[in-house]
Amino acid sequence: MKETDNQLLIVWTSGDPELAHKMVFMYAHNAQKNGWWDQVTMLVWGPSEKLSSEDAKIQESLQKMQEDGVELLACKACADQYGVCSKLEDIGITVKYTGTFLTDYIKSGKKIITF
């Protein structure tokens, strides 16, 4: 197995906090903590960016995941549309343009889950 075969990208787009807590975060956090994947990266994209900027419980969960090694990225173009770029950066999410990143990830054959 190649090193990159054990990396997971979670593309989280939903603005539903229940989905975030009961599915997205539960899997992402456990996958990283328990070593199911060498690296779990979560791309916060679109409505999930707005939710992350506003909801304190979401922010607390994101911080715990980061502390356990989940890498958090957000799409700058989307964040700018919602006006939340600085808020996402303030809570420790790396904000950058992600079109090329996502395209390269898909083309690499690495594993991706979407919510």
PDB file of N, CA and C in Angstrom:
ATOM      1  N   MET A   1       0.839  -1.180   0.000  1.00  0.00           N
ATOM      2  CA  MET A   1       0.000   0.000   0.000  1.00  0.00           C
ATOM      3  C   MET A   1       0.888   1.249   0.000  1.00  0.00           C
ATOM      4  N   LYS A   2       0.584   2.187  -0.902  1.00  0.00           N
ATOM      5  CA  LYS A   2       1.305   3.458  -0.927  1.00  0.00           C
ATOM      6  C   LYS A   2       0.871   4.308   0.264  1.00  0.00           C
ATOM      7  N   GLU A   3       1.771   5.206   0.682  1.00  0.00           N
ATOM      8  CA  GLU A   3       1.463   6.090   1.810  1.00  0.00           C
ATOM      9  C   GLU A   3       0.187   6.889   1.552  1.00  0.00           C
ATOM     10  N   THR A   4      -0.023   7.343   0.329  1.00  0.00           N
ATOM     11  CA  THR A   4      -1.195   8.159   0.009  1.00  0.00           C
ATOM     12  C   THR A   4      -2.485   7.352   0.002  1.00  0.00           C
ATOM     13  N   ASP A   5      -2.379   6.015  -0.038  1.00  0.00           N
ATOM     14  CA  ASP A   5      -3.576   5.184  -0.017  1.00  0.00           C
ATOM     15  C   ASP A   5      -4.281   5.224   1.331  1.00  0.00           C
ATOM     16  N   ASN A   6      -3.605   5.712   2.350  1.00  0.00           N
ATOM     17  CA  ASN A   6      -4.173   5.710   3.688  1.00  0.00           C
ATOM     18  C   ASN A   6      -4.520   7.121   4.157  1.00  0.00           C
ATOM     19  N   GLN A   7      -4.902   7.966   3.195  1.00  0.00           N
ATOM     20  CA  GLN A   7      -5.339   9.327   3.495  1.00  0.00           C
ATOM     21  C   GLN A   7      -6.796   9.467   3.068  1.00  0.00           C
ATOM     22  N   LEU A   8      -7.560  10.200   3.848  1.00  0.00           N
ATOM     23  CA  LEU A   8      -8.976  10.399   3.561  1.00  0.00           C
ATOM     24  C   LEU A   8      -9.294  11.882   3.536  1.00  0.00           C
ATOM     25  N   LEU A   9     -10.037  12.295   2.530  1.00  0.00           N
ATOM     26  CA  LEU A   9     -10.581  13.649   2.463  1.00  0.00           C
ATOM     27  C   LEU A   9     -12.084  13.557   2.675  1.00  0.00           C
ATOM     28  N   ILE A  10     -12.576  14.295   3.656  1.00  0.00           N
ATOM     29  CA  ILE A  10     -14.014  14.407   3.880  1.00  0.00           C
ATOM     30  C   ILE A  10     -14.437  15.777   3.366  1.00  0.00           C
ATOM     31  N   VAL A  11     -15.324  15.792   2.382  1.00  0.00           N
ATOM     32  CA  VAL A  11     -15.861  17.041   1.850  1.00  0.00           C
ATOM     33  C   VAL A  11     -17.204  17.261   2.541  1.00  0.00           C
ATOM     34  N   TRP A  12     -17.228  18.255   3.441  1.00  0.00           N
ATOM     35  CA  TRP A  12     -18.415  18.541   4.253  1.00  0.00           C
ATOM     36  C   TRP A  12     -19.068  19.809   3.720  1.00  0.00           C
ATOM     37  N   THR A  13     -20.260  19.650   3.144  1.00  0.00           N
ATOM     38  CA  THR A  13     -20.955  20.792   2.554  1.00  0.00           C
ATOM     39  C   THR A  13     -22.240  21.148   3.286  1.00  0.00           C
ATOM     40  N   SER A  14     -22.807  20.232   4.029  1.00  0.00           N
ATOM     41  CA  SER A  14     -24.116  20.436   4.632  1.00  0.00           C
ATOM     42  C   SER A  14     -24.084  21.488   5.737  1.00  0.00           C
ATOM     43  N   GLY A  15     -25.132  22.293   5.785  1.00  0.00           N
ATOM     44  CA  GLY A  15     -25.298  23.266   6.852  1.00  0.00           C
ATOM     45  C   GLY A  15     -26.147  22.742   7.999  1.00  0.00           C
ATOM     46  N   ASP A  16     -26.400  21.442   8.028  1.00  0.00           N
ATOM     47  CA  ASP A  16     -27.239  20.821   9.054  1.00  0.00           C
ATOM     48  C   ASP A  16     -26.384  20.424  10.261  1.00  0.00           C
ATOM     49  N   PRO A  17     -26.600  21.060  11.419  1.00  0.00           N
ATOM     50  CA  PRO A  17     -25.767  20.748  12.584  1.00  0.00           C
ATOM     51  C   PRO A  17     -25.947  19.313  13.088  1.00  0.00           C
ATOM     52  N   GLU A  18     -27.145  18.758  12.956  1.00  0.00           N
ATOM     53  CA  GLU A  18     -27.362  17.377  13.397  1.00  0.00           C
ATOM     54  C   GLU A  18     -26.534  16.410  12.555  1.00  0.00           C
ATOM     55  N   LEU A  19     -26.526  16.605  11.254  1.00  0.00           N
ATOM     56  CA  LEU A  19     -25.701  15.776  10.368  1.00  0.00           C
ATOM     57  C   LEU A  19     -24.227  15.922  10.737  1.00  0.00           C
ATOM     58  N   ALA A  20     -23.820  17.148  11.032  1.00  0.00           N
ATOM     59  CA  ALA A  20     -22.421  17.401  11.392  1.00  0.00           C
ATOM     60  C   ALA A  20     -22.026  16.590  12.620  1.00  0.00           C
ATOM     61  N   HIS A  21     -22.806  16.701  13.687  1.00  0.00           N
ATOM     62  CA  HIS A  21     -22.445  16.047  14.947  1.00  0.00           C
ATOM     63  C   HIS A  21     -22.632  14.529  14.913  1.00  0.00           C
ATOM     64  N   LYS A  22     -23.710  14.070  14.302  1.00  0.00           N
ATOM     65  CA  LYS A  22     -24.052  12.644  14.391  1.00  0.00           C
ATOM     66  C   LYS A  22     -23.446  11.787  13.293  1.00  0.00           C
ATOM     67  N   MET A  23     -22.901  12.410  12.261  1.00  0.00           N
ATOM     68  CA  MET A  23     -22.288  11.623  11.194  1.00  0.00           C
ATOM     69  C   MET A  23     -20.885  12.115  10.858  1.00  0.00           C
ATOM     70  N   VAL A  24     -20.795  13.343  10.348  1.00  0.00           N
ATOM     71  CA  VAL A  24     -19.525  13.856   9.827  1.00  0.00           C
ATOM     72  C   VAL A  24     -18.447  13.858  10.902  1.00  0.00           C
ATOM     73  N   PHE A  25     -18.717  14.528  12.009  1.00  0.00           N
ATOM     74  CA  PHE A  25     -17.707  14.682  13.054  1.00  0.00           C
ATOM     75  C   PHE A  25     -17.413  13.356  13.745  1.00  0.00           C
ATOM     76  N   MET A  26     -18.454  12.566  13.981  1.00  0.00           N
ATOM     77  CA  MET A  26     -18.248  11.294  14.658  1.00  0.00           C
ATOM     78  C   MET A  26     -17.287  10.411  13.850  1.00  0.00           C
ATOM     79  N   TYR A  27     -17.517  10.324  12.540  1.00  0.00           N
ATOM     80  CA  TYR A  27     -16.632   9.489  11.730  1.00  0.00           C
ATOM     81  C   TYR A  27     -15.238  10.105  11.615  1.00  0.00           C
ATOM     82  N   ALA A  28     -15.169  11.388  11.287  1.00  0.00           N
ATOM     83  CA  ALA A  28     -13.866  12.035  11.084  1.00  0.00           C
ATOM     84  C   ALA A  28     -12.995  11.930  12.327  1.00  0.00           C
ATOM     85  N   HIS A  29     -13.580  12.239  13.465  1.00  0.00           N
ATOM     86  CA  HIS A  29     -12.814  12.249  14.710  1.00  0.00           C
ATOM     87  C   HIS A  29     -12.342  10.841  15.069  1.00  0.00           C
ATOM     88  N   ASN A  30     -13.248   9.877  15.021  1.00  0.00           N
ATOM     89  CA  ASN A  30     -12.874   8.499  15.359  1.00  0.00           C
ATOM     90  C   ASN A  30     -11.882   7.914  14.370  1.00  0.00           C
ATOM     91  N   ALA A  31     -12.030   8.243  13.101  1.00  0.00           N
ATOM     92  CA  ALA A  31     -11.108   7.726  12.084  1.00  0.00           C
ATOM     93  C   ALA A  31      -9.681   8.193  12.348  1.00  0.00           C
ATOM     94  N   GLN A  32      -9.530   9.449  12.764  1.00  0.00           N
ATOM     95  CA  GLN A  32      -8.187   9.968  13.048  1.00  0.00           C
ATOM     96  C   GLN A  32      -7.665   9.433  14.383  1.00  0.00           C
ATOM     97  N   LYS A  33      -8.490   9.519  15.424  1.00  0.00           N
ATOM     98  CA  LYS A  33      -8.066   9.079  16.761  1.00  0.00           C
ATOM     99  C   LYS A  33      -7.692   7.606  16.798  1.00  0.00           C
ATOM    100  N   ASN A  34      -8.453   6.797  16.098  1.00  0.00           N
ATOM    101  CA  ASN A  34      -8.260   5.348  16.144  1.00  0.00           C
ATOM    102  C   ASN A  34      -7.328   4.818  15.065  1.00  0.00           C
ATOM    103  N   GLY A  35      -6.774   5.719  14.259  1.00  0.00           N
ATOM    104  CA  GLY A  35      -5.809   5.308  13.255  1.00  0.00           C
ATOM    105  C   GLY A  35      -6.387   4.525  12.090  1.00  0.00           C
ATOM    106  N   TRP A  36      -7.684   4.712  11.822  1.00  0.00           N
ATOM    107  CA  TRP A  36      -8.282   4.032  10.674  1.00  0.00           C
ATOM    108  C   TRP A  36      -7.650   4.531   9.382  1.00  0.00           C
ATOM    109  N   TRP A  37      -7.209   5.771   9.404  1.00  0.00           N
ATOM    110  CA  TRP A  37      -6.489   6.414   8.300  1.00  0.00           C
ATOM    111  C   TRP A  37      -5.272   7.092   8.902  1.00  0.00           C
ATOM    112  N   ASP A  38      -4.188   7.165   8.133  1.00  0.00           N
ATOM    113  CA  ASP A  38      -3.010   7.894   8.612  1.00  0.00           C
ATOM    114  C   ASP A  38      -3.317   9.376   8.756  1.00  0.00           C
ATOM    115  N   GLN A  39      -4.076   9.919   7.808  1.00  0.00           N
ATOM    116  CA  GLN A  39      -4.429  11.336   7.855  1.00  0.00           C
ATOM    117  C   GLN A  39      -5.860  11.521   7.385  1.00  0.00           C
ATOM    118  N   VAL A  40      -6.636  12.239   8.193  1.00  0.00           N
ATOM    119  CA  VAL A  40      -7.989  12.641   7.824  1.00  0.00           C
ATOM    120  C   VAL A  40      -7.965  14.149   7.635  1.00  0.00           C
ATOM    121  N   THR A  41      -8.404  14.589   6.469  1.00  0.00           N
ATOM    122  CA  THR A  41      -8.522  16.011   6.164  1.00  0.00           C
ATOM    123  C   THR A  41      -9.989  16.296   5.896  1.00  0.00           C
ATOM    124  N   MET A  42     -10.514  17.367   6.496  1.00  0.00           N
ATOM    125  CA  MET A  42     -11.893  17.760   6.251  1.00  0.00           C
ATOM    126  C   MET A  42     -11.907  19.086   5.502  1.00  0.00           C
ATOM    127  N   LEU A  43     -12.558  19.084   4.358  1.00  0.00           N
ATOM    128  CA  LEU A  43     -12.755  20.300   3.581  1.00  0.00           C
ATOM    129  C   LEU A  43     -14.126  20.854   3.931  1.00  0.00           C
ATOM    130  N   VAL A  44     -14.134  21.983   4.612  1.00  0.00           N
ATOM    131  CA  VAL A  44     -15.357  22.682   4.996  1.00  0.00           C
ATOM    132  C   VAL A  44     -15.721  23.556   3.801  1.00  0.00           C
ATOM    133  N   TRP A  45     -16.881  23.290   3.213  1.00  0.00           N
ATOM    134  CA  TRP A  45     -17.167  23.860   1.896  1.00  0.00           C
ATOM    135  C   TRP A  45     -18.603  24.331   1.811  1.00  0.00           C
ATOM    136  N   GLY A  46     -18.809  25.598   1.489  1.00  0.00           N
ATOM    137  CA  GLY A  46     -20.156  26.126   1.274  1.00  0.00           C
ATOM    138  C   GLY A  46     -20.918  26.332   2.571  1.00  0.00           C
ATOM    139  N   PRO A  47     -22.170  25.817   2.647  1.00  0.00           N
ATOM    140  CA  PRO A  47     -23.005  26.049   3.821  1.00  0.00           C
ATOM    141  C   PRO A  47     -22.365  25.609   5.140  1.00  0.00           C
ATOM    142  N   SER A  48     -21.508  24.597   5.102  1.00  0.00           N
ATOM    143  CA  SER A  48     -20.838  24.169   6.340  1.00  0.00           C
ATOM    144  C   SER A  48     -19.888  25.249   6.858  1.00  0.00           C
ATOM    145  N   GLU A  49     -19.389  26.100   5.971  1.00  0.00           N
ATOM    146  CA  GLU A  49     -18.530  27.211   6.400  1.00  0.00           C
ATOM    147  C   GLU A  49     -19.326  28.225   7.211  1.00  0.00           C
ATOM    148  N   LYS A  50     -20.516  28.543   6.725  1.00  0.00           N
ATOM    149  CA  LYS A  50     -21.379  29.487   7.436  1.00  0.00           C
ATOM    150  C   LYS A  50     -21.734  28.928   8.815  1.00  0.00           C
ATOM    151  N   LEU A  51     -22.136  27.655   8.847  1.00  0.00           N
ATOM    152  CA  LEU A  51     -22.472  27.006  10.112  1.00  0.00           C
ATOM    153  C   LEU A  51     -21.284  27.028  11.072  1.00  0.00           C
ATOM    154  N   SER A  52     -20.107  26.722  10.574  1.00  0.00           N
ATOM    155  CA  SER A  52     -18.901  26.690  11.413  1.00  0.00           C
ATOM    156  C   SER A  52     -18.571  28.056  11.991  1.00  0.00           C
ATOM    157  N   SER A  53     -18.897  29.099  11.265  1.00  0.00           N
ATOM    158  CA  SER A  53     -18.581  30.452  11.727  1.00  0.00           C
ATOM    159  C   SER A  53     -19.555  30.949  12.786  1.00  0.00           C
ATOM    160  N   GLU A  54     -20.730  30.307  12.892  1.00  0.00           N
ATOM    161  CA  GLU A  54     -21.788  30.818  13.757  1.00  0.00           C
ATOM    162  C   GLU A  54     -22.097  29.955  14.988  1.00  0.00           C
ATOM    163  N   ASP A  55     -21.843  28.675  14.926  1.00  0.00           N
ATOM    164  CA  ASP A  55     -22.323  27.734  15.936  1.00  0.00           C
ATOM    165  C   ASP A  55     -21.199  27.344  16.905  1.00  0.00           C
ATOM    166  N   ALA A  56     -21.341  27.717  18.164  1.00  0.00           N
ATOM    167  CA  ALA A  56     -20.297  27.464  19.168  1.00  0.00           C
ATOM    168  C   ALA A  56     -20.054  25.973  19.394  1.00  0.00           C
ATOM    169  N   LYS A  57     -21.101  25.148  19.354  1.00  0.00           N
ATOM    170  CA  LYS A  57     -20.921  23.704  19.550  1.00  0.00           C
ATOM    171  C   LYS A  57     -20.162  23.089  18.378  1.00  0.00           C
ATOM    172  N   ILE A  58     -20.440  23.564  17.181  1.00  0.00           N
ATOM    173  CA  ILE A  58     -19.702  23.108  15.997  1.00  0.00           C
ATOM    174  C   ILE A  58     -18.234  23.490  16.156  1.00  0.00           C
ATOM    175  N   GLN A  59     -17.983  24.727  16.571  1.00  0.00           N
ATOM    176  CA  GLN A  59     -16.607  25.203  16.746  1.00  0.00           C
ATOM    177  C   GLN A  59     -15.863  24.371  17.789  1.00  0.00           C
ATOM    178  N   GLU A  60     -16.539  24.017  18.868  1.00  0.00           N
ATOM    179  CA  GLU A  60     -15.925  23.199  19.917  1.00  0.00           C
ATOM    180  C   GLU A  60     -15.548  21.819  19.364  1.00  0.00           C
ATOM    181  N   SER A  61     -16.432  21.232  18.590  1.00  0.00           N
ATOM    182  CA  SER A  61     -16.145  19.918  17.993  1.00  0.00           C
ATOM    183  C   SER A  61     -14.993  19.995  17.006  1.00  0.00           C
ATOM    184  N   LEU A  62     -14.971  21.048  16.202  1.00  0.00           N
ATOM    185  CA  LEU A  62     -13.879  21.219  15.239  1.00  0.00           C
ATOM    186  C   LEU A  62     -12.539  21.341  15.961  1.00  0.00           C
ATOM    187  N   GLN A  63     -12.523  22.086  17.054  1.00  0.00           N
ATOM    188  CA  GLN A  63     -11.286  22.263  17.822  1.00  0.00           C
ATOM    189  C   GLN A  63     -10.794  20.924  18.380  1.00  0.00           C
ATOM    190  N   LYS A  64     -11.712  20.115  18.908  1.00  0.00           N
ATOM    191  CA  LYS A  64     -11.330  18.808  19.453  1.00  0.00           C
ATOM    192  C   LYS A  64     -10.752  17.921  18.356  1.00  0.00           C
ATOM    193  N   MET A  65     -11.372  17.951  17.175  1.00  0.00           N
ATOM    194  CA  MET A  65     -10.861  17.138  16.068  1.00  0.00           C
ATOM    195  C   MET A  65      -9.467  17.597  15.660  1.00  0.00           C
ATOM    196  N   GLN A  66      -9.281  18.901  15.594  1.00  0.00           N
ATOM    197  CA  GLN A  66      -7.955  19.438  15.246  1.00  0.00           C
ATOM    198  C   GLN A  66      -6.908  18.999  16.260  1.00  0.00           C
ATOM    199  N   GLU A  67      -7.253  19.061  17.526  1.00  0.00           N
ATOM    200  CA  GLU A  67      -6.318  18.661  18.582  1.00  0.00           C
ATOM    201  C   GLU A  67      -5.899  17.201  18.427  1.00  0.00           C
ATOM    202  N   ASP A  68      -6.778  16.384  17.863  1.00  0.00           N
ATOM    203  CA  ASP A  68      -6.480  14.966  17.660  1.00  0.00           C
ATOM    204  C   ASP A  68      -5.929  14.669  16.269  1.00  0.00           C
ATOM    205  N   GLY A  69      -5.634  15.723  15.486  1.00  0.00           N
ATOM    206  CA  GLY A  69      -4.924  15.526  14.233  1.00  0.00           C
ATOM    207  C   GLY A  69      -5.702  15.654  12.947  1.00  0.00           C
ATOM    208  N   VAL A  70      -7.008  15.906  13.019  1.00  0.00           N
ATOM    209  CA  VAL A  70      -7.773  16.115  11.790  1.00  0.00           C
ATOM    210  C   VAL A  70      -7.376  17.469  11.210  1.00  0.00           C
ATOM    211  N   GLU A  71      -7.003  17.473   9.942  1.00  0.00           N
ATOM    212  CA  GLU A  71      -6.646  18.718   9.261  1.00  0.00           C
ATOM    213  C   GLU A  71      -7.923  19.366   8.741  1.00  0.00           C
ATOM    214  N   LEU A  72      -8.100  20.665   9.015  1.00  0.00           N
ATOM    215  CA  LEU A  72      -9.295  21.386   8.587  1.00  0.00           C
ATOM    216  C   LEU A  72      -8.934  22.441   7.554  1.00  0.00           C
ATOM    217  N   LEU A  73      -9.613  22.372   6.414  1.00  0.00           N
ATOM    218  CA  LEU A  73      -9.444  23.347   5.337  1.00  0.00           C
ATOM    219  C   LEU A  73     -10.809  23.920   4.989  1.00  0.00           C
ATOM    220  N   ALA A  74     -10.826  25.149   4.498  1.00  0.00           N
ATOM    221  CA  ALA A  74     -12.063  25.750   4.004  1.00  0.00           C
ATOM    222  C   ALA A  74     -11.784  26.441   2.680  1.00  0.00           C
ATOM    223  N   CYS A  75     -12.805  26.485   1.857  1.00  0.00           N
ATOM    224  CA  CYS A  75     -12.707  27.110   0.541  1.00  0.00           C
ATOM    225  C   CYS A  75     -12.792  28.633   0.676  1.00  0.00           C
ATOM    226  N   LYS A  76     -11.766  29.330   0.219  1.00  0.00           N
ATOM    227  CA  LYS A  76     -11.734  30.790   0.328  1.00  0.00           C
ATOM    228  C   LYS A  76     -12.834  31.445  -0.494  1.00  0.00           C
ATOM    229  N   ALA A  77     -13.074  30.949  -1.707  1.00  0.00           N
ATOM    230  CA  ALA A  77     -14.111  31.548  -2.552  1.00  0.00           C
ATOM    231  C   ALA A  77     -15.474  31.470  -1.864  1.00  0.00           C
ATOM    232  N   CYS A  78     -15.785  30.317  -1.291  1.00  0.00           N
ATOM    233  CA  CYS A  78     -17.060  30.155  -0.579  1.00  0.00           C
ATOM    234  C   CYS A  78     -17.093  31.021   0.680  1.00  0.00           C
ATOM    235  N   ALA A  79     -15.996  31.015   1.432  1.00  0.00           N
ATOM    236  CA  ALA A  79     -15.931  31.806   2.664  1.00  0.00           C
ATOM    237  C   ALA A  79     -16.132  33.287   2.367  1.00  0.00           C
ATOM    238  N   ASP A  80     -15.545  33.758   1.273  1.00  0.00           N
ATOM    239  CA  ASP A  80     -15.727  35.154   0.884  1.00  0.00           C
ATOM    240  C   ASP A  80     -17.183  35.437   0.524  1.00  0.00           C
ATOM    241  N   GLN A  81     -17.838  34.493  -0.145  1.00  0.00           N
ATOM    242  CA  GLN A  81     -19.250  34.685  -0.504  1.00  0.00           C
ATOM    243  C   GLN A  81     -20.129  34.804   0.739  1.00  0.00           C
ATOM    244  N   TYR A  82     -19.803  34.043   1.771  1.00  0.00           N
ATOM    245  CA  TYR A  82     -20.565  34.098   3.025  1.00  0.00           C
ATOM    246  C   TYR A  82     -20.049  35.179   3.975  1.00  0.00           C
ATOM    247  N   GLY A  83     -18.913  35.780   3.660  1.00  0.00           N
ATOM    248  CA  GLY A  83     -18.336  36.808   4.522  1.00  0.00           C
ATOM    249  C   GLY A  83     -17.797  36.259   5.834  1.00  0.00           C
ATOM    250  N   VAL A  84     -17.239  35.027   5.804  1.00  0.00           N
ATOM    251  CA  VAL A  84     -16.818  34.374   7.047  1.00  0.00           C
ATOM    252  C   VAL A  84     -15.337  33.988   7.061  1.00  0.00           C
ATOM    253  N   CYS A  85     -14.567  34.471   6.128  1.00  0.00           N
ATOM    254  CA  CYS A  85     -13.166  34.068   6.000  1.00  0.00           C
ATOM    255  C   CYS A  85     -12.386  34.301   7.300  1.00  0.00           C
ATOM    256  N   SER A  86     -12.438  35.497   7.839  1.00  0.00           N
ATOM    257  CA  SER A  86     -11.649  35.796   9.040  1.00  0.00           C
ATOM    258  C   SER A  86     -12.150  35.006  10.243  1.00  0.00           C
ATOM    259  N   LYS A  87     -13.441  34.774  10.335  1.00  0.00           N
ATOM    260  CA  LYS A  87     -13.995  33.997  11.449  1.00  0.00           C
ATOM    261  C   LYS A  87     -13.484  32.557  11.397  1.00  0.00           C
ATOM    262  N   LEU A  88     -13.439  31.968  10.204  1.00  0.00           N
ATOM    263  CA  LEU A  88     -12.932  30.601  10.063  1.00  0.00           C
ATOM    264  C   LEU A  88     -11.456  30.534  10.435  1.00  0.00           C
ATOM    265  N   GLU A  89     -10.696  31.520   9.997  1.00  0.00           N
ATOM    266  CA  GLU A  89      -9.272  31.568  10.357  1.00  0.00           C
ATOM    267  C   GLU A  89      -9.102  31.723  11.865  1.00  0.00           C
ATOM    268  N   ASP A  90      -9.971  32.535  12.484  1.00  0.00           N
ATOM    269  CA  ASP A  90      -9.903  32.752  13.932  1.00  0.00           C
ATOM    270  C   ASP A  90     -10.120  31.463  14.725  1.00  0.00           C
ATOM    271  N   ILE A  91     -10.892  30.526  14.162  1.00  0.00           N
ATOM    272  CA  ILE A  91     -11.140  29.268  14.881  1.00  0.00           C
ATOM    273  C   ILE A  91     -10.183  28.161  14.428  1.00  0.00           C
ATOM    274  N   GLY A  92      -9.153  28.546  13.673  1.00  0.00           N
ATOM    275  CA  GLY A  92      -8.078  27.612  13.357  1.00  0.00           C
ATOM    276  C   GLY A  92      -8.204  26.833  12.065  1.00  0.00           C
ATOM    277  N   ILE A  93      -9.156  27.203  11.226  1.00  0.00           N
ATOM    278  CA  ILE A  93      -9.320  26.516   9.946  1.00  0.00           C
ATOM    279  C   ILE A  93      -8.445  27.208   8.904  1.00  0.00           C
ATOM    280  N   THR A  94      -7.708  26.428   8.139  1.00  0.00           N
ATOM    281  CA  THR A  94      -6.897  26.967   7.047  1.00  0.00           C
ATOM    282  C   THR A  94      -7.826  27.307   5.891  1.00  0.00           C
ATOM    283  N   VAL A  95      -7.843  28.570   5.487  1.00  0.00           N
ATOM    284  CA  VAL A  95      -8.718  29.020   4.405  1.00  0.00           C
ATOM    285  C   VAL A  95      -7.864  29.281   3.172  1.00  0.00           C
ATOM    286  N   LYS A  96      -8.205  28.598   2.084  1.00  0.00           N
ATOM    287  CA  LYS A  96      -7.463  28.782   0.836  1.00  0.00           C
ATOM    288  C   LYS A  96      -8.369  28.411  -0.332  1.00  0.00           C
ATOM    289  N   TYR A  97      -7.975  28.826  -1.521  1.00  0.00           N
ATOM    290  CA  TYR A  97      -8.715  28.410  -2.707  1.00  0.00           C
ATOM    291  C   TYR A  97      -8.521  26.909  -2.872  1.00  0.00           C
ATOM    292  N   THR A  98      -9.614  26.180  -3.059  1.00  0.00           N
ATOM    293  CA  THR A  98      -9.533  24.722  -3.005  1.00  0.00           C
ATOM    294  C   THR A  98      -9.886  24.014  -4.308  1.00  0.00           C
ATOM    295  N   GLY A  99     -10.189  24.741  -5.359  1.00  0.00           N
ATOM    296  CA  GLY A  99     -10.549  24.090  -6.618  1.00  0.00           C
ATOM    297  C   GLY A  99      -9.455  23.179  -7.138  1.00  0.00           C
ATOM    298  N   THR A 100      -8.236  23.682  -7.206  1.00  0.00           N
ATOM    299  CA  THR A 100      -7.107  22.881  -7.689  1.00  0.00           C
ATOM    300  C   THR A 100      -6.782  21.771  -6.699  1.00  0.00           C
ATOM    301  N   PHE A 101      -6.798  22.089  -5.402  1.00  0.00           N
ATOM    302  CA  PHE A 101      -6.539  21.082  -4.366  1.00  0.00           C
ATOM    303  C   PHE A 101      -7.500  19.904  -4.511  1.00  0.00           C
ATOM    304  N   LEU A 102      -8.798  20.195  -4.620  1.00  0.00           N
ATOM    305  CA  LEU A 102      -9.796  19.134  -4.710  1.00  0.00           C
ATOM    306  C   LEU A 102      -9.640  18.340  -6.004  1.00  0.00           C
ATOM    307  N   THR A 103      -9.410  19.028  -7.101  1.00  0.00           N
ATOM    308  CA  THR A 103      -9.216  18.353  -8.386  1.00  0.00           C
ATOM    309  C   THR A 103      -8.016  17.416  -8.337  1.00  0.00           C
ATOM    310  N   ASP A 104      -6.909  17.903  -7.809  1.00  0.00           N
ATOM    311  CA  ASP A 104      -5.704  17.069  -7.701  1.00  0.00           C
ATOM    312  C   ASP A 104      -5.948  15.864  -6.794  1.00  0.00           C
ATOM    313  N   TYR A 105      -6.673  16.066  -5.713  1.00  0.00           N
ATOM    314  CA  TYR A 105      -6.966  14.974  -4.782  1.00  0.00           C
ATOM    315  C   TYR A 105      -7.784  13.894  -5.486  1.00  0.00           C
ATOM    316  N   ILE A 106      -8.812  14.319  -6.211  1.00  0.00           N
ATOM    317  CA  ILE A 106      -9.654  13.365  -6.935  1.00  0.00           C
ATOM    318  C   ILE A 106      -8.832  12.597  -7.964  1.00  0.00           C
ATOM    319  N   LYS A 107      -8.028  13.309  -8.727  1.00  0.00           N
ATOM    320  CA  LYS A 107      -7.225  12.675  -9.778  1.00  0.00           C
ATOM    321  C   LYS A 107      -6.166  11.734  -9.221  1.00  0.00           C
ATOM    322  N   SER A 108      -5.754  11.947  -7.976  1.00  0.00           N
ATOM    323  CA  SER A 108      -4.710  11.108  -7.375  1.00  0.00           C
ATOM    324  C   SER A 108      -5.212   9.713  -7.016  1.00  0.00           C
ATOM    325  N   GLY A 109      -6.509   9.552  -6.964  1.00  0.00           N
ATOM    326  CA  GLY A 109      -7.072   8.263  -6.586  1.00  0.00           C
ATOM    327  C   GLY A 109      -7.213   8.059  -5.089  1.00  0.00           C
ATOM    328  N   LYS A 110      -6.909   9.088  -4.298  1.00  0.00           N
ATOM    329  CA  LYS A 110      -7.076   8.992  -2.845  1.00  0.00           C
ATOM    330  C   LYS A 110      -8.572   8.886  -2.517  1.00  0.00           C
ATOM    331  N   LYS A 111      -8.862   8.512  -1.308  1.00  0.00           N
ATOM    332  CA  LYS A 111     -10.239   8.271  -0.881  1.00  0.00           C
ATOM    333  C   LYS A 111     -10.927   9.567  -0.456  1.00  0.00           C
ATOM    334  N   ILE A 112     -12.213   9.680  -0.846  1.00  0.00           N
ATOM    335  CA  ILE A 112     -13.016  10.864  -0.533  1.00  0.00           C
ATOM    336  C   ILE A 112     -14.405  10.418  -0.081  1.00  0.00           C
ATOM    337  N   ILE A 113     -14.902  11.067   0.971  1.00  0.00           N
ATOM    338  CA  ILE A 113     -16.288  10.905   1.421  1.00  0.00           C
ATOM    339  C   ILE A 113     -16.921  12.291   1.375  1.00  0.00           C
ATOM    340  N   THR A 114     -18.181  12.364   0.979  1.00  0.00           N
ATOM    341  CA  THR A 114     -18.883  13.650   0.977  1.00  0.00           C
ATOM    342  C   THR A 114     -20.109  13.584   1.883  1.00  0.00           C
ATOM    343  N   PHE A 115     -20.355  14.684   2.565  1.00  0.00           N
ATOM    344  CA  PHE A 115     -21.542  14.834   3.405  1.00  0.00           C
ATOM    345  C   PHE A 115     -22.182  16.166   3.087  1.00  0.00           C
TER     346      PHE A 115
END
